[in-house]
Amino acid sequence: MITPALIADAGDPAAWRYVEFFTANIRNPNTRRAYARACQQFFGWCDERGLSLMTIRSVDVARYIETRQQTHSAPDVKQQLAAVRMLFDWLITGQVVPLNPAAAVRGPKHVVKTGKTPVLDGKEWRTLIESIPTETLRDLRDRALIATLTYSFARITAALRMKVEDLRPKGAGWQVQLHEKGGKQHAMPCHHTLAEMLRAYIDAAGIADDRKGWLFRTSPGHNAMTLADTPMSQADAWRMIRRRAAAAGIHAPIGNHTFRATGITAYLGNGGALEHAQSMAAHESPRTTKLYDRTKDRLTQDEVERIRL
């Protein structure tokens, strides 16, 4: 963690409080990296203008935000402001500064009604799955991971944290246990198609008794029948998905998040309730769930095709 010169110049209490903000206060590593980058950029801008930690005022923060809006997107600017505002709140509670100069500054308006994640329709999804052979452990693993992301609405991080024991029998069926952000546990009934793909993979890999072992493991080298003890990373999953998509003739820039959005869209398109989709996806707000719903896009196309001349 690099402490900005402007913070270091304010003394050890400020420097330690700055480091604690990122190490003790922010648990998500992606948020930590993004906020650290945002604060570095802001304090670098302030330092270039001869400001100190104690002389930064609301007008300075507002000028920084206005300047950044000229070259960056609204979501980027909103994240910058959020990071600076939260950091100053942390410095206030640590008695480093008396006021938060970012508190009164308003960010740009940015309303997102539809997500940008590419979504596959049913035919495309089936084409992808059917293009993956079932001859090697790597094939079976990849099919099982894609099915997990689709049928359980799992985030890629939650899927890759799964252990073998997270596929559990429940009544006449199965249940998957997902490890979500912030240490939250989220249980989802297992769709019968997903259960079949997971069981085929687990049985072929011979890992059923390794209950504490990772479920989706790396397969290093050229031997697709060998699995390591280490879990796949997000980058591993992304490369696999892009490779499988290209082999299936799918040229859309799909990624890890595509299958979560595809599953939610398919569920809502087949009459599923929004409140149930929200619960299944472990979203805090139904507005977030709606970002994944592309059923209106398809409805619009169907209606337009009714224009016959």
C-alpha atoms as a PDB file:
ATOM      1  CA  MET A   1       0.000   0.000   0.000  1.00  0.00           C
ATOM      2  CA  ILE A   2       1.594   3.280  -1.167  1.00  0.00           C
ATOM      3  CA  THR A   3       0.657   6.257   1.007  1.00  0.00           C
ATOM      4  CA  PRO A   4       0.245   9.486  -0.984  1.00  0.00           C
ATOM      5  CA  ALA A   5       2.790  12.187  -0.171  1.00  0.00           C
ATOM      6  CA  LEU A   6      -0.014  14.547   0.848  1.00  0.00           C
ATOM      7  CA  ILE A   7      -1.189  12.028   3.489  1.00  0.00           C
ATOM      8  CA  ALA A   8       2.348  11.245   4.684  1.00  0.00           C
ATOM      9  CA  ASP A   9       3.035  14.970   5.101  1.00  0.00           C
ATOM     10  CA  ALA A  10       0.085  15.177   7.518  1.00  0.00           C
ATOM     11  CA  GLY A  11       1.897  12.949  10.027  1.00  0.00           C
ATOM     12  CA  ASP A  12       1.890   9.387  11.299  1.00  0.00           C
ATOM     13  CA  PRO A  13      -1.718   9.398  12.615  1.00  0.00           C
ATOM     14  CA  ALA A  14      -3.007  10.333   9.154  1.00  0.00           C
ATOM     15  CA  ALA A  15      -0.736   7.821   7.415  1.00  0.00           C
ATOM     16  CA  TRP A  16      -1.781   4.944   9.698  1.00  0.00           C
ATOM     17  CA  ARG A  17      -5.445   5.858   9.430  1.00  0.00           C
ATOM     18  CA  TYR A  18      -5.127   5.900   5.647  1.00  0.00           C
ATOM     19  CA  VAL A  19      -3.623   2.411   5.585  1.00  0.00           C
ATOM     20  CA  GLU A  20      -6.250   1.108   8.042  1.00  0.00           C
ATOM     21  CA  PHE A  21      -9.020   2.380   5.767  1.00  0.00           C
ATOM     22  CA  PHE A  22      -7.991  -0.058   3.040  1.00  0.00           C
ATOM     23  CA  THR A  23      -6.756  -2.956   5.166  1.00  0.00           C
ATOM     24  CA  ALA A  24      -9.273  -3.032   8.049  1.00  0.00           C
ATOM     25  CA  ASN A  25     -12.322  -1.235   6.673  1.00  0.00           C
ATOM     26  CA  ILE A  26     -12.634  -2.571   3.098  1.00  0.00           C
ATOM     27  CA  ARG A  27     -12.787  -6.340   2.864  1.00  0.00           C
ATOM     28  CA  ASN A  28     -13.519  -6.848  -0.838  1.00  0.00           C
ATOM     29  CA  PRO A  29     -10.181  -6.948  -2.726  1.00  0.00           C
ATOM     30  CA  ASN A  30     -11.660  -5.510  -5.936  1.00  0.00           C
ATOM     31  CA  THR A  31     -13.205  -2.571  -4.064  1.00  0.00           C
ATOM     32  CA  ARG A  32      -9.955  -2.077  -2.169  1.00  0.00           C
ATOM     33  CA  ARG A  33      -7.937  -1.825  -5.383  1.00  0.00           C
ATOM     34  CA  ALA A  34     -10.430   0.500  -7.071  1.00  0.00           C
ATOM     35  CA  TYR A  35     -10.739   2.834  -4.067  1.00  0.00           C
ATOM     36  CA  ALA A  36      -6.980   2.893  -3.477  1.00  0.00           C
ATOM     37  CA  ARG A  37      -6.441   3.896  -7.104  1.00  0.00           C
ATOM     38  CA  ALA A  38      -9.148   6.573  -6.839  1.00  0.00           C
ATOM     39  CA  CYS A  39      -7.668   8.091  -3.675  1.00  0.00           C
ATOM     40  CA  GLN A  40      -4.135   8.016  -5.103  1.00  0.00           C
ATOM     41  CA  GLN A  41      -5.340   9.945  -8.145  1.00  0.00           C
ATOM     42  CA  PHE A  42      -7.283  12.489  -6.100  1.00  0.00           C
ATOM     43  CA  PHE A  43      -4.498  13.239  -3.634  1.00  0.00           C
ATOM     44  CA  GLY A  44      -1.962  13.373  -6.463  1.00  0.00           C
ATOM     45  CA  TRP A  45      -4.158  16.022  -8.135  1.00  0.00           C
ATOM     46  CA  CYS A  46      -4.371  17.960  -4.857  1.00  0.00           C
ATOM     47  CA  ASP A  47      -0.622  17.734  -4.286  1.00  0.00           C
ATOM     48  CA  GLU A  48       0.070  19.177  -7.745  1.00  0.00           C
ATOM     49  CA  ARG A  49      -1.997  22.224  -6.750  1.00  0.00           C
ATOM     50  CA  GLY A  50      -0.167  22.799  -3.489  1.00  0.00           C
ATOM     51  CA  LEU A  51      -3.005  21.651  -1.239  1.00  0.00           C
ATOM     52  CA  SER A  52      -2.504  19.875   2.069  1.00  0.00           C
ATOM     53  CA  LEU A  53      -4.844  17.450   3.814  1.00  0.00           C
ATOM     54  CA  MET A  54      -6.105  20.219   6.101  1.00  0.00           C
ATOM     55  CA  THR A  55      -6.643  22.794   3.348  1.00  0.00           C
ATOM     56  CA  ILE A  56      -8.758  20.667   0.973  1.00  0.00           C
ATOM     57  CA  ARG A  57     -12.237  22.213   0.731  1.00  0.00           C
ATOM     58  CA  SER A  58     -15.498  21.298  -0.979  1.00  0.00           C
ATOM     59  CA  VAL A  59     -14.668  23.620  -3.869  1.00  0.00           C
ATOM     60  CA  ASP A  60     -11.464  21.655  -4.513  1.00  0.00           C
ATOM     61  CA  VAL A  61     -13.280  18.325  -4.565  1.00  0.00           C
ATOM     62  CA  ALA A  62     -15.964  19.782  -6.855  1.00  0.00           C
ATOM     63  CA  ARG A  63     -13.316  21.135  -9.225  1.00  0.00           C
ATOM     64  CA  TYR A  64     -11.591  17.734  -9.313  1.00  0.00           C
ATOM     65  CA  ILE A  65     -14.885  15.988 -10.110  1.00  0.00           C
ATOM     66  CA  GLU A  66     -15.745  18.490 -12.856  1.00  0.00           C
ATOM     67  CA  THR A  67     -12.284  18.110 -14.383  1.00  0.00           C
ATOM     68  CA  ARG A  68     -12.484  14.332 -14.346  1.00  0.00           C
ATOM     69  CA  GLN A  69     -15.935  14.355 -15.962  1.00  0.00           C
ATOM     70  CA  GLN A  70     -14.383  15.821 -19.086  1.00  0.00           C
ATOM     71  CA  THR A  71     -12.293  12.715 -19.742  1.00  0.00           C
ATOM     72  CA  HIS A  72     -13.944   9.866 -17.838  1.00  0.00           C
ATOM     73  CA  SER A  73     -17.316   8.117 -17.723  1.00  0.00           C
ATOM     74  CA  ALA A  74     -20.010   8.901 -15.177  1.00  0.00           C
ATOM     75  CA  PRO A  75     -19.579   5.552 -13.335  1.00  0.00           C
ATOM     76  CA  ASP A  76     -15.841   6.217 -12.998  1.00  0.00           C
ATOM     77  CA  VAL A  77     -16.433   9.703 -11.600  1.00  0.00           C
ATOM     78  CA  LYS A  78     -19.102   8.458  -9.179  1.00  0.00           C
ATOM     79  CA  GLN A  79     -16.703   5.807  -7.902  1.00  0.00           C
ATOM     80  CA  GLN A  80     -13.971   8.423  -7.445  1.00  0.00           C
ATOM     81  CA  LEU A  81     -16.272  10.616  -5.399  1.00  0.00           C
ATOM     82  CA  ALA A  82     -17.538   7.692  -3.320  1.00  0.00           C
ATOM     83  CA  ALA A  83     -13.985   6.618  -2.480  1.00  0.00           C
ATOM     84  CA  VAL A  84     -12.887  10.108  -1.443  1.00  0.00           C
ATOM     85  CA  ARG A  85     -16.055  10.716   0.555  1.00  0.00           C
ATOM     86  CA  MET A  86     -15.746   7.413   2.421  1.00  0.00           C
ATOM     87  CA  LEU A  87     -12.063   7.952   3.156  1.00  0.00           C
ATOM     88  CA  PHE A  88     -12.678  11.381   4.684  1.00  0.00           C
ATOM     89  CA  ASP A  89     -15.462   9.920   6.848  1.00  0.00           C
ATOM     90  CA  TRP A  90     -12.906   7.393   8.089  1.00  0.00           C
ATOM     91  CA  LEU A  91     -10.365  10.154   8.765  1.00  0.00           C
ATOM     92  CA  ILE A  92     -12.992  12.105  10.737  1.00  0.00           C
ATOM     93  CA  THR A  93     -13.814   9.168  13.021  1.00  0.00           C
ATOM     94  CA  GLY A  94     -10.072   8.740  13.550  1.00  0.00           C
ATOM     95  CA  GLN A  95      -9.843  12.414  14.594  1.00  0.00           C
ATOM     96  CA  VAL A  96      -7.413  13.192  11.789  1.00  0.00           C
ATOM     97  CA  VAL A  97      -9.556  15.872  10.077  1.00  0.00           C
ATOM     98  CA  PRO A  98     -12.558  17.824  11.414  1.00  0.00           C
ATOM     99  CA  LEU A  99     -14.723  17.944   8.270  1.00  0.00           C
ATOM    100  CA  ASN A 100     -15.452  15.967   5.121  1.00  0.00           C
ATOM    101  CA  PRO A 101     -14.917  18.253   2.098  1.00  0.00           C
ATOM    102  CA  ALA A 102     -16.533  15.696  -0.223  1.00  0.00           C
ATOM    103  CA  ALA A 103     -19.783  15.418   1.749  1.00  0.00           C
ATOM    104  CA  ALA A 104     -21.610  18.250  -0.045  1.00  0.00           C
ATOM    105  CA  VAL A 105     -20.228  17.569  -3.541  1.00  0.00           C
ATOM    106  CA  ARG A 106     -22.693  16.052  -5.983  1.00  0.00           C
ATOM    107  CA  GLY A 107     -21.585  13.555  -8.574  1.00  0.00           C
ATOM    108  CA  PRO A 108     -22.891  13.158 -12.120  1.00  0.00           C
ATOM    109  CA  LYS A 109     -26.295  11.624 -12.720  1.00  0.00           C
ATOM    110  CA  HIS A 110     -26.062   8.106 -14.030  1.00  0.00           C
ATOM    111  CA  VAL A 111     -29.087   5.836 -14.247  1.00  0.00           C
ATOM    112  CA  VAL A 112     -28.608   2.312 -15.594  1.00  0.00           C
ATOM    113  CA  LYS A 113     -31.762   0.511 -16.666  1.00  0.00           C
ATOM    114  CA  THR A 114     -30.211  -2.307 -18.674  1.00  0.00           C
ATOM    115  CA  GLY A 115     -26.947  -4.107 -18.006  1.00  0.00           C
ATOM    116  CA  LYS A 116     -24.192  -4.358 -20.615  1.00  0.00           C
ATOM    117  CA  THR A 117     -23.271  -7.983 -19.947  1.00  0.00           C
ATOM    118  CA  PRO A 118     -23.746 -10.066 -23.131  1.00  0.00           C
ATOM    119  CA  VAL A 119     -26.573 -12.588 -22.718  1.00  0.00           C
ATOM    120  CA  LEU A 120     -27.084 -15.823 -24.640  1.00  0.00           C
ATOM    121  CA  ASP A 121     -30.516 -16.944 -25.736  1.00  0.00           C
ATOM    122  CA  GLY A 122     -31.608 -20.526 -25.174  1.00  0.00           C
ATOM    123  CA  LYS A 123     -30.443 -21.755 -28.569  1.00  0.00           C
ATOM    124  CA  GLU A 124     -26.998 -20.155 -28.209  1.00  0.00           C
ATOM    125  CA  TRP A 125     -26.559 -21.565 -24.702  1.00  0.00           C
ATOM    126  CA  ARG A 126     -27.471 -25.073 -25.838  1.00  0.00           C
ATOM    127  CA  THR A 127     -25.124 -24.738 -28.815  1.00  0.00           C
ATOM    128  CA  LEU A 128     -22.291 -23.857 -26.452  1.00  0.00           C
ATOM    129  CA  ILE A 129     -22.974 -26.722 -24.048  1.00  0.00           C
ATOM    130  CA  GLU A 130     -23.454 -29.275 -26.824  1.00  0.00           C
ATOM    131  CA  SER A 131     -20.196 -28.205 -28.484  1.00  0.00           C
ATOM    132  CA  ILE A 132     -18.220 -29.241 -25.392  1.00  0.00           C
ATOM    133  CA  PRO A 133     -17.350 -32.954 -25.530  1.00  0.00           C
ATOM    134  CA  THR A 134     -17.731 -35.254 -22.533  1.00  0.00           C
ATOM    135  CA  GLU A 135     -14.537 -37.196 -23.123  1.00  0.00           C
ATOM    136  CA  THR A 136     -12.126 -35.676 -20.581  1.00  0.00           C
ATOM    137  CA  LEU A 137     -12.258 -34.383 -17.014  1.00  0.00           C
ATOM    138  CA  ARG A 138     -11.553 -30.915 -18.352  1.00  0.00           C
ATOM    139  CA  ASP A 139     -14.600 -31.150 -20.639  1.00  0.00           C
ATOM    140  CA  LEU A 140     -16.856 -32.326 -17.813  1.00  0.00           C
ATOM    141  CA  ARG A 141     -15.505 -29.651 -15.478  1.00  0.00           C
ATOM    142  CA  ASP A 142     -16.133 -26.864 -17.980  1.00  0.00           C
ATOM    143  CA  ARG A 143     -19.692 -28.032 -18.662  1.00  0.00           C
ATOM    144  CA  ALA A 144     -20.376 -28.248 -14.927  1.00  0.00           C
ATOM    145  CA  LEU A 145     -18.984 -24.778 -14.228  1.00  0.00           C
ATOM    146  CA  ILE A 146     -20.991 -23.123 -17.018  1.00  0.00           C
ATOM    147  CA  ALA A 147     -24.124 -24.921 -15.819  1.00  0.00           C
ATOM    148  CA  THR A 148     -23.471 -23.823 -12.227  1.00  0.00           C
ATOM    149  CA  LEU A 149     -23.174 -20.172 -13.254  1.00  0.00           C
ATOM    150  CA  THR A 150     -26.360 -20.437 -15.326  1.00  0.00           C
ATOM    151  CA  TYR A 151     -28.708 -22.511 -13.187  1.00  0.00           C
ATOM    152  CA  SER A 152     -27.721 -21.183  -9.754  1.00  0.00           C
ATOM    153  CA  PHE A 153     -27.261 -17.520 -10.842  1.00  0.00           C
ATOM    154  CA  ALA A 154     -23.876 -17.768  -9.110  1.00  0.00           C
ATOM    155  CA  ARG A 155     -21.261 -15.057  -9.272  1.00  0.00           C
ATOM    156  CA  ILE A 156     -18.022 -16.455 -10.638  1.00  0.00           C
ATOM    157  CA  THR A 157     -16.235 -15.842  -7.319  1.00  0.00           C
ATOM    158  CA  ALA A 158     -18.923 -17.795  -5.435  1.00  0.00           C
ATOM    159  CA  ALA A 159     -18.774 -20.711  -7.882  1.00  0.00           C
ATOM    160  CA  LEU A 160     -14.993 -20.954  -7.735  1.00  0.00           C
ATOM    161  CA  ARG A 161     -15.048 -20.953  -3.912  1.00  0.00           C
ATOM    162  CA  MET A 162     -17.228 -24.059  -3.867  1.00  0.00           C
ATOM    163  CA  LYS A 163     -15.936 -27.202  -2.218  1.00  0.00           C
ATOM    164  CA  VAL A 164     -17.092 -30.715  -3.122  1.00  0.00           C
ATOM    165  CA  GLU A 165     -19.234 -30.732   0.024  1.00  0.00           C
ATOM    166  CA  ASP A 166     -21.171 -27.712  -1.262  1.00  0.00           C
ATOM    167  CA  LEU A 167     -23.232 -30.022  -3.479  1.00  0.00           C
ATOM    168  CA  ARG A 168     -25.555 -31.503  -0.891  1.00  0.00           C
ATOM    169  CA  PRO A 169     -28.521 -33.884  -1.039  1.00  0.00           C
ATOM    170  CA  LYS A 170     -31.821 -32.323   0.007  1.00  0.00           C
ATOM    171  CA  GLY A 171     -34.972 -34.402  -0.027  1.00  0.00           C
ATOM    172  CA  ALA A 172     -35.352 -36.026  -3.418  1.00  0.00           C
ATOM    173  CA  GLY A 173     -32.967 -33.547  -5.043  1.00  0.00           C
ATOM    174  CA  TRP A 174     -29.788 -31.587  -4.422  1.00  0.00           C
ATOM    175  CA  GLN A 175     -28.763 -28.181  -3.128  1.00  0.00           C
ATOM    176  CA  VAL A 176     -25.719 -26.005  -3.882  1.00  0.00           C
ATOM    177  CA  GLN A 177     -24.112 -23.896  -1.179  1.00  0.00           C
ATOM    178  CA  LEU A 178     -22.577 -20.680  -2.508  1.00  0.00           C
ATOM    179  CA  HIS A 179     -20.033 -18.538  -0.663  1.00  0.00           C
ATOM    180  CA  GLU A 180     -20.955 -14.989  -1.589  1.00  0.00           C
ATOM    181  CA  LYS A 181     -19.374 -11.594  -1.007  1.00  0.00           C
ATOM    182  CA  GLY A 182     -18.761 -10.551   2.590  1.00  0.00           C
ATOM    183  CA  GLY A 183     -18.670 -14.135   3.833  1.00  0.00           C
ATOM    184  CA  LYS A 184     -22.402 -14.640   3.246  1.00  0.00           C
ATOM    185  CA  GLN A 185     -23.702 -18.167   2.679  1.00  0.00           C
ATOM    186  CA  HIS A 186     -26.385 -18.636   0.025  1.00  0.00           C
ATOM    187  CA  ALA A 187     -28.146 -21.953  -0.597  1.00  0.00           C
ATOM    188  CA  MET A 188     -29.875 -22.664  -3.919  1.00  0.00           C
ATOM    189  CA  PRO A 189     -31.957 -25.692  -4.908  1.00  0.00           C
ATOM    190  CA  CYS A 190     -30.061 -27.519  -7.625  1.00  0.00           C
ATOM    191  CA  HIS A 191     -31.725 -27.692 -11.042  1.00  0.00           C
ATOM    192  CA  HIS A 192     -31.905 -31.302 -12.244  1.00  0.00           C
ATOM    193  CA  THR A 193     -29.778 -30.537 -15.325  1.00  0.00           C
ATOM    194  CA  LEU A 194     -27.116 -28.946 -13.158  1.00  0.00           C
ATOM    195  CA  ALA A 195     -27.199 -31.884 -10.741  1.00  0.00           C
ATOM    196  CA  GLU A 196     -26.606 -34.300 -13.626  1.00  0.00           C
ATOM    197  CA  MET A 197     -23.607 -32.320 -14.927  1.00  0.00           C
ATOM    198  CA  LEU A 198     -22.071 -31.901 -11.477  1.00  0.00           C
ATOM    199  CA  ARG A 199     -22.481 -35.579 -10.610  1.00  0.00           C
ATOM    200  CA  ALA A 200     -20.989 -36.651 -13.961  1.00  0.00           C
ATOM    201  CA  TYR A 201     -17.952 -34.427 -13.318  1.00  0.00           C
ATOM    202  CA  ILE A 202     -17.486 -35.388  -9.659  1.00  0.00           C
ATOM    203  CA  ASP A 203     -17.856 -39.116 -10.324  1.00  0.00           C
ATOM    204  CA  ALA A 204     -15.480 -39.093 -13.294  1.00  0.00           C
ATOM    205  CA  ALA A 205     -12.909 -37.052 -11.349  1.00  0.00           C
ATOM    206  CA  GLY A 206     -13.152 -39.396  -8.345  1.00  0.00           C
ATOM    207  CA  ILE A 207     -13.355 -36.484  -5.907  1.00  0.00           C
ATOM    208  CA  ALA A 208     -16.650 -37.383  -4.197  1.00  0.00           C
ATOM    209  CA  ASP A 209     -14.864 -38.378  -0.981  1.00  0.00           C
ATOM    210  CA  ASP A 210     -12.637 -35.296  -0.958  1.00  0.00           C
ATOM    211  CA  ARG A 211     -15.371 -33.273   0.713  1.00  0.00           C
ATOM    212  CA  LYS A 212     -13.117 -30.385   1.737  1.00  0.00           C
ATOM    213  CA  GLY A 213     -11.397 -30.192  -1.651  1.00  0.00           C
ATOM    214  CA  TRP A 214     -12.112 -27.546  -4.253  1.00  0.00           C
ATOM    215  CA  LEU A 215     -14.904 -28.400  -6.665  1.00  0.00           C
ATOM    216  CA  PHE A 216     -13.647 -26.620  -9.794  1.00  0.00           C
ATOM    217  CA  ARG A 217      -9.946 -27.409 -10.009  1.00  0.00           C
ATOM    218  CA  THR A 218      -7.262 -26.431 -12.447  1.00  0.00           C
ATOM    219  CA  SER A 219      -6.229 -28.865 -15.150  1.00  0.00           C
ATOM    220  CA  PRO A 220      -2.615 -27.957 -15.937  1.00  0.00           C
ATOM    221  CA  GLY A 221      -0.621 -28.928 -18.967  1.00  0.00           C
ATOM    222  CA  HIS A 222      -1.835 -30.875 -21.962  1.00  0.00           C
ATOM    223  CA  ASN A 223      -3.288 -33.828 -20.060  1.00  0.00           C
ATOM    224  CA  ALA A 224      -6.995 -33.010 -19.865  1.00  0.00           C
ATOM    225  CA  MET A 225      -7.569 -36.067 -17.657  1.00  0.00           C
ATOM    226  CA  THR A 226      -5.547 -34.609 -14.779  1.00  0.00           C
ATOM    227  CA  LEU A 227      -6.806 -32.235 -12.106  1.00  0.00           C
ATOM    228  CA  ALA A 228      -4.660 -30.344  -9.600  1.00  0.00           C
ATOM    229  CA  ASP A 229      -5.640 -29.607  -5.988  1.00  0.00           C
ATOM    230  CA  THR A 230      -5.803 -25.855  -6.624  1.00  0.00           C
ATOM    231  CA  PRO A 231      -9.004 -23.997  -7.563  1.00  0.00           C
ATOM    232  CA  MET A 232      -9.533 -22.271 -10.898  1.00  0.00           C
ATOM    233  CA  SER A 233      -9.085 -18.499 -10.883  1.00  0.00           C
ATOM    234  CA  GLN A 234     -11.431 -15.982 -12.499  1.00  0.00           C
ATOM    235  CA  ALA A 235      -8.875 -15.550 -15.278  1.00  0.00           C
ATOM    236  CA  ASP A 236      -8.787 -19.333 -15.818  1.00  0.00           C
ATOM    237  CA  ALA A 237     -12.585 -19.404 -16.097  1.00  0.00           C
ATOM    238  CA  TRP A 238     -12.660 -16.428 -18.469  1.00  0.00           C
ATOM    239  CA  ARG A 239     -10.079 -17.982 -20.799  1.00  0.00           C
ATOM    240  CA  MET A 240     -11.965 -21.263 -20.766  1.00  0.00           C
ATOM    241  CA  ILE A 241     -15.266 -19.572 -21.623  1.00  0.00           C
ATOM    242  CA  ARG A 242     -13.783 -17.563 -24.477  1.00  0.00           C
ATOM    243  CA  ARG A 243     -12.090 -20.675 -25.865  1.00  0.00           C
ATOM    244  CA  ARG A 244     -15.278 -22.736 -25.640  1.00  0.00           C
ATOM    245  CA  ALA A 245     -17.355 -19.924 -27.173  1.00  0.00           C
ATOM    246  CA  ALA A 246     -14.993 -19.603 -30.141  1.00  0.00           C
ATOM    247  CA  ALA A 247     -15.132 -23.350 -30.721  1.00  0.00           C
ATOM    248  CA  ALA A 248     -18.947 -23.156 -30.702  1.00  0.00           C
ATOM    249  CA  GLY A 249     -18.969 -20.321 -33.250  1.00  0.00           C
ATOM    250  CA  ILE A 250     -20.194 -17.751 -30.716  1.00  0.00           C
ATOM    251  CA  HIS A 251     -18.469 -14.445 -31.455  1.00  0.00           C
ATOM    252  CA  ALA A 252     -20.154 -12.215 -28.859  1.00  0.00           C
ATOM    253  CA  PRO A 253     -17.662 -11.039 -26.185  1.00  0.00           C
ATOM    254  CA  ILE A 254     -19.129 -13.259 -23.465  1.00  0.00           C
ATOM    255  CA  GLY A 255     -17.420 -13.757 -20.121  1.00  0.00           C
ATOM    256  CA  ASN A 256     -17.912 -15.158 -16.631  1.00  0.00           C
ATOM    257  CA  HIS A 257     -20.880 -12.916 -15.857  1.00  0.00           C
ATOM    258  CA  THR A 258     -22.742 -13.819 -19.055  1.00  0.00           C
ATOM    259  CA  PHE A 259     -24.181 -17.015 -17.597  1.00  0.00           C
ATOM    260  CA  ARG A 260     -25.555 -15.373 -14.448  1.00  0.00           C
ATOM    261  CA  ALA A 261     -27.344 -12.854 -16.698  1.00  0.00           C
ATOM    262  CA  THR A 262     -28.440 -15.620 -19.084  1.00  0.00           C
ATOM    263  CA  GLY A 263     -29.962 -17.661 -16.263  1.00  0.00           C
ATOM    264  CA  ILE A 264     -31.839 -14.703 -14.785  1.00  0.00           C
ATOM    265  CA  THR A 265     -33.147 -13.648 -18.206  1.00  0.00           C
ATOM    266  CA  ALA A 266     -34.327 -17.193 -18.994  1.00  0.00           C
ATOM    267  CA  TYR A 267     -36.039 -17.473 -15.602  1.00  0.00           C
ATOM    268  CA  LEU A 268     -37.911 -14.173 -15.980  1.00  0.00           C
ATOM    269  CA  GLY A 269     -38.703 -14.881 -19.628  1.00  0.00           C
ATOM    270  CA  ASN A 270     -40.417 -18.120 -18.620  1.00  0.00           C
ATOM    271  CA  GLY A 271     -42.707 -16.401 -16.129  1.00  0.00           C
ATOM    272  CA  GLY A 272     -40.467 -16.367 -13.043  1.00  0.00           C
ATOM    273  CA  ALA A 273     -41.206 -13.701 -10.440  1.00  0.00           C
ATOM    274  CA  LEU A 274     -38.792 -10.785 -10.033  1.00  0.00           C
ATOM    275  CA  GLU A 275     -38.780 -11.088  -6.226  1.00  0.00           C
ATOM    276  CA  HIS A 276     -37.817 -14.766  -6.485  1.00  0.00           C
ATOM    277  CA  ALA A 277     -35.076 -13.960  -9.010  1.00  0.00           C
ATOM    278  CA  GLN A 278     -33.751 -11.333  -6.601  1.00  0.00           C
ATOM    279  CA  SER A 279     -33.593 -13.875  -3.790  1.00  0.00           C
ATOM    280  CA  MET A 280     -32.050 -16.560  -5.981  1.00  0.00           C
ATOM    281  CA  ALA A 281     -29.377 -14.145  -7.233  1.00  0.00           C
ATOM    282  CA  ALA A 282     -28.687 -12.847  -3.685  1.00  0.00           C
ATOM    283  CA  HIS A 283     -29.263  -9.246  -4.781  1.00  0.00           C
ATOM    284  CA  GLU A 284     -29.941  -6.537  -2.199  1.00  0.00           C
ATOM    285  CA  SER A 285     -32.283  -4.661  -4.530  1.00  0.00           C
ATOM    286  CA  PRO A 286     -34.711  -5.745  -7.281  1.00  0.00           C
ATOM    287  CA  ARG A 287     -33.311  -2.877  -9.377  1.00  0.00           C
ATOM    288  CA  THR A 288     -30.033  -4.785  -9.600  1.00  0.00           C
ATOM    289  CA  THR A 289     -31.845  -7.935 -10.718  1.00  0.00           C
ATOM    290  CA  LYS A 290     -33.667  -5.996 -13.430  1.00  0.00           C
ATOM    291  CA  LEU A 291     -30.322  -5.023 -14.970  1.00  0.00           C
ATOM    292  CA  TYR A 292     -29.895  -8.675 -15.943  1.00  0.00           C
ATOM    293  CA  ASP A 293     -33.343  -8.985 -17.512  1.00  0.00           C
ATOM    294  CA  ARG A 294     -33.151  -8.774 -21.314  1.00  0.00           C
ATOM    295  CA  THR A 295     -36.641 -10.141 -21.964  1.00  0.00           C
ATOM    296  CA  LYS A 296     -37.849  -6.681 -23.025  1.00  0.00           C
ATOM    297  CA  ASP A 297     -35.134  -6.523 -25.685  1.00  0.00           C
ATOM    298  CA  ARG A 298     -36.437  -9.710 -27.248  1.00  0.00           C
ATOM    299  CA  LEU A 299     -40.076  -8.657 -26.900  1.00  0.00           C
ATOM    300  CA  THR A 300     -39.339  -5.435 -28.764  1.00  0.00           C
ATOM    301  CA  GLN A 301     -37.723  -7.340 -31.650  1.00  0.00           C
ATOM    302  CA  ASP A 302     -40.692  -9.729 -31.853  1.00  0.00           C
ATOM    303  CA  GLU A 303     -43.126  -6.820 -31.982  1.00  0.00           C
ATOM    304  CA  VAL A 304     -41.134  -4.965 -34.638  1.00  0.00           C
ATOM    305  CA  GLU A 305     -41.264  -8.060 -36.864  1.00  0.00           C
ATOM    306  CA  ARG A 306     -45.050  -7.689 -36.894  1.00  0.00           C
ATOM    307  CA  ILE A 307     -44.582  -4.729 -39.262  1.00  0.00           C
ATOM    308  CA  ARG A 308     -45.341  -6.470 -42.532  1.00  0.00           C
ATOM    309  CA  LEU A 309     -45.742  -4.429 -45.734  1.00  0.00           C
END
